[in-house]
Amino acid sequence: MSDLKALADQLRAHESELMPTYEELARAAQAPAEAKIVSQLRAYQRLQLLSLELLGDRVPERFLGFGRVTASDVNIRSAPNGQSNLVGKAQQGDQVIICSYQGYWIEVQVMHGPSGYIFRDYVQEEGG
């Protein structure tokens, strides 16, 4: 596992250095099609960096993909129902790791935050 962590950290450091170039590329895009392509490239780069961060720091036991919270002050609950205990809040734009789907709920781990369940309507899957 240490080889994986070291390699992921090395690759992440290298890839992180490229983000300013992606931002420059976005500023240079003129036509709508160019802007759309660059937007996709930047999104893929962000997902790659998140993936490398997980491999370098803490690989979750279950991983179905990444998602993003789509509303403000979204409740994170201890179980997949609206009556279970509140374990935290997520904000619009927060990145989450999708661990499982349970009916109308998604089990998530907020990047650098709590784990729990969010109502499915408030999480948009990314990169799938």
C-alpha atoms as a PDB file:
ATOM      1  CA  MET A   1       0.000   0.000   0.000  1.00  0.00           C
ATOM      2  CA  SER A   2       2.862   2.400   0.681  1.00  0.00           C
ATOM      3  CA  ASP A   3       3.993   2.126  -2.955  1.00  0.00           C
ATOM      4  CA  LEU A   4       0.499   3.080  -4.082  1.00  0.00           C
ATOM      5  CA  LYS A   5       0.414   6.040  -1.697  1.00  0.00           C
ATOM      6  CA  ALA A   6       3.844   7.261  -2.743  1.00  0.00           C
ATOM      7  CA  LEU A   7       3.048   6.960  -6.439  1.00  0.00           C
ATOM      8  CA  ALA A   8      -0.335   8.667  -6.013  1.00  0.00           C
ATOM      9  CA  ASP A   9       1.266  11.514  -4.052  1.00  0.00           C
ATOM     10  CA  GLN A  10       3.973  11.929  -6.694  1.00  0.00           C
ATOM     11  CA  LEU A  11       1.457  11.981  -9.537  1.00  0.00           C
ATOM     12  CA  ARG A  12      -0.843  14.332  -7.626  1.00  0.00           C
ATOM     13  CA  ALA A  13       1.997  16.816  -7.091  1.00  0.00           C
ATOM     14  CA  HIS A  14       2.802  16.722 -10.799  1.00  0.00           C
ATOM     15  CA  GLU A  15      -0.833  17.039 -11.890  1.00  0.00           C
ATOM     16  CA  SER A  16      -1.514  19.873  -9.417  1.00  0.00           C
ATOM     17  CA  GLU A  17       1.151  21.933 -11.149  1.00  0.00           C
ATOM     18  CA  LEU A  18      -0.898  21.730 -14.355  1.00  0.00           C
ATOM     19  CA  MET A  19      -4.015  23.452 -12.957  1.00  0.00           C
ATOM     20  CA  PRO A  20      -2.798  27.004 -13.727  1.00  0.00           C
ATOM     21  CA  THR A  21      -2.254  25.914 -17.338  1.00  0.00           C
ATOM     22  CA  TYR A  22      -5.827  24.617 -17.490  1.00  0.00           C
ATOM     23  CA  GLU A  23      -7.033  27.983 -16.154  1.00  0.00           C
ATOM     24  CA  GLU A  24      -4.971  29.764 -18.808  1.00  0.00           C
ATOM     25  CA  LEU A  25      -6.450  27.462 -21.440  1.00  0.00           C
ATOM     26  CA  ALA A  26      -9.944  28.425 -20.234  1.00  0.00           C
ATOM     27  CA  ARG A  27      -9.153  32.123 -20.616  1.00  0.00           C
ATOM     28  CA  ALA A  28      -7.813  31.510 -24.132  1.00  0.00           C
ATOM     29  CA  ALA A  29     -10.923  29.653 -25.342  1.00  0.00           C
ATOM     30  CA  GLN A  30     -12.916  31.939 -27.651  1.00  0.00           C
ATOM     31  CA  ALA A  31     -15.626  29.918 -29.370  1.00  0.00           C
ATOM     32  CA  PRO A  32     -18.441  28.219 -27.421  1.00  0.00           C
ATOM     33  CA  ALA A  33     -17.234  24.771 -28.524  1.00  0.00           C
ATOM     34  CA  GLU A  34     -13.703  25.565 -27.338  1.00  0.00           C
ATOM     35  CA  ALA A  35     -15.025  26.738 -23.973  1.00  0.00           C
ATOM     36  CA  LYS A  36     -17.091  23.553 -23.600  1.00  0.00           C
ATOM     37  CA  ILE A  37     -14.118  21.313 -24.396  1.00  0.00           C
ATOM     38  CA  VAL A  38     -11.875  23.175 -21.957  1.00  0.00           C
ATOM     39  CA  SER A  39     -14.590  23.032 -19.296  1.00  0.00           C
ATOM     40  CA  GLN A  40     -14.680  19.241 -19.685  1.00  0.00           C
ATOM     41  CA  LEU A  41     -10.889  19.030 -19.474  1.00  0.00           C
ATOM     42  CA  ARG A  42     -10.845  21.061 -16.263  1.00  0.00           C
ATOM     43  CA  ALA A  43     -13.600  18.905 -14.740  1.00  0.00           C
ATOM     44  CA  TYR A  44     -11.693  15.714 -15.589  1.00  0.00           C
ATOM     45  CA  GLN A  45      -8.515  17.183 -14.115  1.00  0.00           C
ATOM     46  CA  ARG A  46     -10.301  18.047 -10.850  1.00  0.00           C
ATOM     47  CA  LEU A  47     -11.710  14.498 -10.643  1.00  0.00           C
ATOM     48  CA  GLN A  48      -8.276  13.065 -11.311  1.00  0.00           C
ATOM     49  CA  LEU A  49      -6.783  15.147  -8.504  1.00  0.00           C
ATOM     50  CA  LEU A  50      -9.562  14.050  -6.112  1.00  0.00           C
ATOM     51  CA  SER A  51      -8.963  10.415  -7.038  1.00  0.00           C
ATOM     52  CA  LEU A  52      -5.227  10.758  -6.450  1.00  0.00           C
ATOM     53  CA  GLU A  53      -5.928  12.433  -3.104  1.00  0.00           C
ATOM     54  CA  LEU A  54      -8.014   9.427  -2.036  1.00  0.00           C
ATOM     55  CA  LEU A  55      -5.319   6.975  -3.139  1.00  0.00           C
ATOM     56  CA  GLY A  56      -2.655   8.971  -1.327  1.00  0.00           C
ATOM     57  CA  ASP A  57      -4.565   9.650   1.874  1.00  0.00           C
ATOM     58  CA  ARG A  58      -7.495   7.420   2.642  1.00  0.00           C
ATOM     59  CA  VAL A  59      -9.015   4.891   0.295  1.00  0.00           C
ATOM     60  CA  PRO A  60     -12.652   4.436   1.340  1.00  0.00           C
ATOM     61  CA  GLU A  61     -13.962   0.934   1.948  1.00  0.00           C
ATOM     62  CA  ARG A  62     -16.687   1.527  -0.639  1.00  0.00           C
ATOM     63  CA  PHE A  63     -16.381   3.865  -3.608  1.00  0.00           C
ATOM     64  CA  LEU A  64     -18.918   4.228  -6.414  1.00  0.00           C
ATOM     65  CA  GLY A  65     -17.791   7.650  -7.594  1.00  0.00           C
ATOM     66  CA  PHE A  66     -17.744  11.351  -6.856  1.00  0.00           C
ATOM     67  CA  GLY A  67     -20.659  13.720  -6.544  1.00  0.00           C
ATOM     68  CA  ARG A  68     -21.333  17.348  -5.775  1.00  0.00           C
ATOM     69  CA  VAL A  69     -23.977  18.777  -3.425  1.00  0.00           C
ATOM     70  CA  THR A  70     -26.495  20.884  -5.372  1.00  0.00           C
ATOM     71  CA  ALA A  71     -28.186  22.915  -2.607  1.00  0.00           C
ATOM     72  CA  SER A  72     -27.266  24.851   0.537  1.00  0.00           C
ATOM     73  CA  ASP A  73     -27.679  23.553   4.087  1.00  0.00           C
ATOM     74  CA  VAL A  74     -28.361  19.958   3.044  1.00  0.00           C
ATOM     75  CA  ASN A  75     -28.899  17.614   5.996  1.00  0.00           C
ATOM     76  CA  ILE A  76     -26.570  14.661   6.403  1.00  0.00           C
ATOM     77  CA  ARG A  77     -28.334  11.951   8.385  1.00  0.00           C
ATOM     78  CA  SER A  78     -27.185   8.842  10.238  1.00  0.00           C
ATOM     79  CA  ALA A  79     -29.589   6.554   8.338  1.00  0.00           C
ATOM     80  CA  PRO A  80     -31.435   6.746   5.005  1.00  0.00           C
ATOM     81  CA  ASN A  81     -34.603   8.437   6.278  1.00  0.00           C
ATOM     82  CA  GLY A  82     -35.745  11.909   7.258  1.00  0.00           C
ATOM     83  CA  GLN A  83     -36.309  10.996  10.913  1.00  0.00           C
ATOM     84  CA  SER A  84     -32.778   9.762  11.688  1.00  0.00           C
ATOM     85  CA  ASN A  85     -30.245  11.814  13.621  1.00  0.00           C
ATOM     86  CA  LEU A  86     -28.588  14.757  11.925  1.00  0.00           C
ATOM     87  CA  VAL A  87     -24.804  14.198  11.702  1.00  0.00           C
ATOM     88  CA  GLY A  88     -23.932  17.353   9.798  1.00  0.00           C
ATOM     89  CA  LYS A  89     -24.710  19.747   6.983  1.00  0.00           C
ATOM     90  CA  ALA A  90     -23.375  19.989   3.447  1.00  0.00           C
ATOM     91  CA  GLN A  91     -23.220  23.131   1.369  1.00  0.00           C
ATOM     92  CA  GLN A  92     -23.806  23.693  -2.317  1.00  0.00           C
ATOM     93  CA  GLY A  93     -20.679  22.695  -4.231  1.00  0.00           C
ATOM     94  CA  ASP A  94     -19.290  20.378  -1.539  1.00  0.00           C
ATOM     95  CA  GLN A  95     -17.523  17.393  -3.082  1.00  0.00           C
ATOM     96  CA  VAL A  96     -18.673  13.983  -1.819  1.00  0.00           C
ATOM     97  CA  ILE A  97     -17.621  10.385  -2.224  1.00  0.00           C
ATOM     98  CA  ILE A  98     -20.606   8.241  -3.167  1.00  0.00           C
ATOM     99  CA  CYS A  99     -20.510   5.008  -1.144  1.00  0.00           C
ATOM    100  CA  SER A 100     -23.923   3.447  -1.834  1.00  0.00           C
ATOM    101  CA  TYR A 101     -27.472   4.056  -3.002  1.00  0.00           C
ATOM    102  CA  GLN A 102     -30.367   3.177  -0.714  1.00  0.00           C
ATOM    103  CA  GLY A 103     -33.743   4.026  -2.184  1.00  0.00           C
ATOM    104  CA  TYR A 104     -34.118   7.798  -2.330  1.00  0.00           C
ATOM    105  CA  TRP A 105     -30.890   8.302  -0.374  1.00  0.00           C
ATOM    106  CA  ILE A 106     -27.186   8.297  -1.155  1.00  0.00           C
ATOM    107  CA  GLU A 107     -24.615   7.276   1.419  1.00  0.00           C
ATOM    108  CA  VAL A 108     -21.783   9.777   1.161  1.00  0.00           C
ATOM    109  CA  GLN A 109     -18.512  10.844   2.709  1.00  0.00           C
ATOM    110  CA  VAL A 110     -18.074  14.602   2.452  1.00  0.00           C
ATOM    111  CA  MET A 111     -14.499  15.354   1.405  1.00  0.00           C
ATOM    112  CA  HIS A 112     -12.779  16.288   4.679  1.00  0.00           C
ATOM    113  CA  GLY A 113     -16.137  16.108   6.481  1.00  0.00           C
ATOM    114  CA  PRO A 114     -18.821  13.816   7.908  1.00  0.00           C
ATOM    115  CA  SER A 115     -20.256  10.583   6.526  1.00  0.00           C
ATOM    116  CA  GLY A 116     -23.950   9.843   6.309  1.00  0.00           C
ATOM    117  CA  TYR A 117     -26.973   9.933   4.056  1.00  0.00           C
ATOM    118  CA  ILE A 118     -28.209  12.743   1.816  1.00  0.00           C
ATOM    119  CA  PHE A 119     -31.492  12.773  -0.056  1.00  0.00           C
ATOM    120  CA  ARG A 120     -30.703  11.747  -3.634  1.00  0.00           C
ATOM    121  CA  ASP A 121     -32.130  14.935  -5.213  1.00  0.00           C
ATOM    122  CA  TYR A 122     -29.328  16.962  -3.598  1.00  0.00           C
ATOM    123  CA  VAL A 123     -26.348  15.103  -5.052  1.00  0.00           C
ATOM    124  CA  GLN A 124     -25.232  15.282  -8.666  1.00  0.00           C
ATOM    125  CA  GLU A 125     -22.946  12.468  -9.805  1.00  0.00           C
ATOM    126  CA  GLU A 126     -19.754  13.573 -11.520  1.00  0.00           C
ATOM    127  CA  GLY A 127     -17.548  12.010 -14.136  1.00  0.00           C
ATOM    128  CA  GLY A 128     -19.716   8.987 -14.711  1.00  0.00           C
END
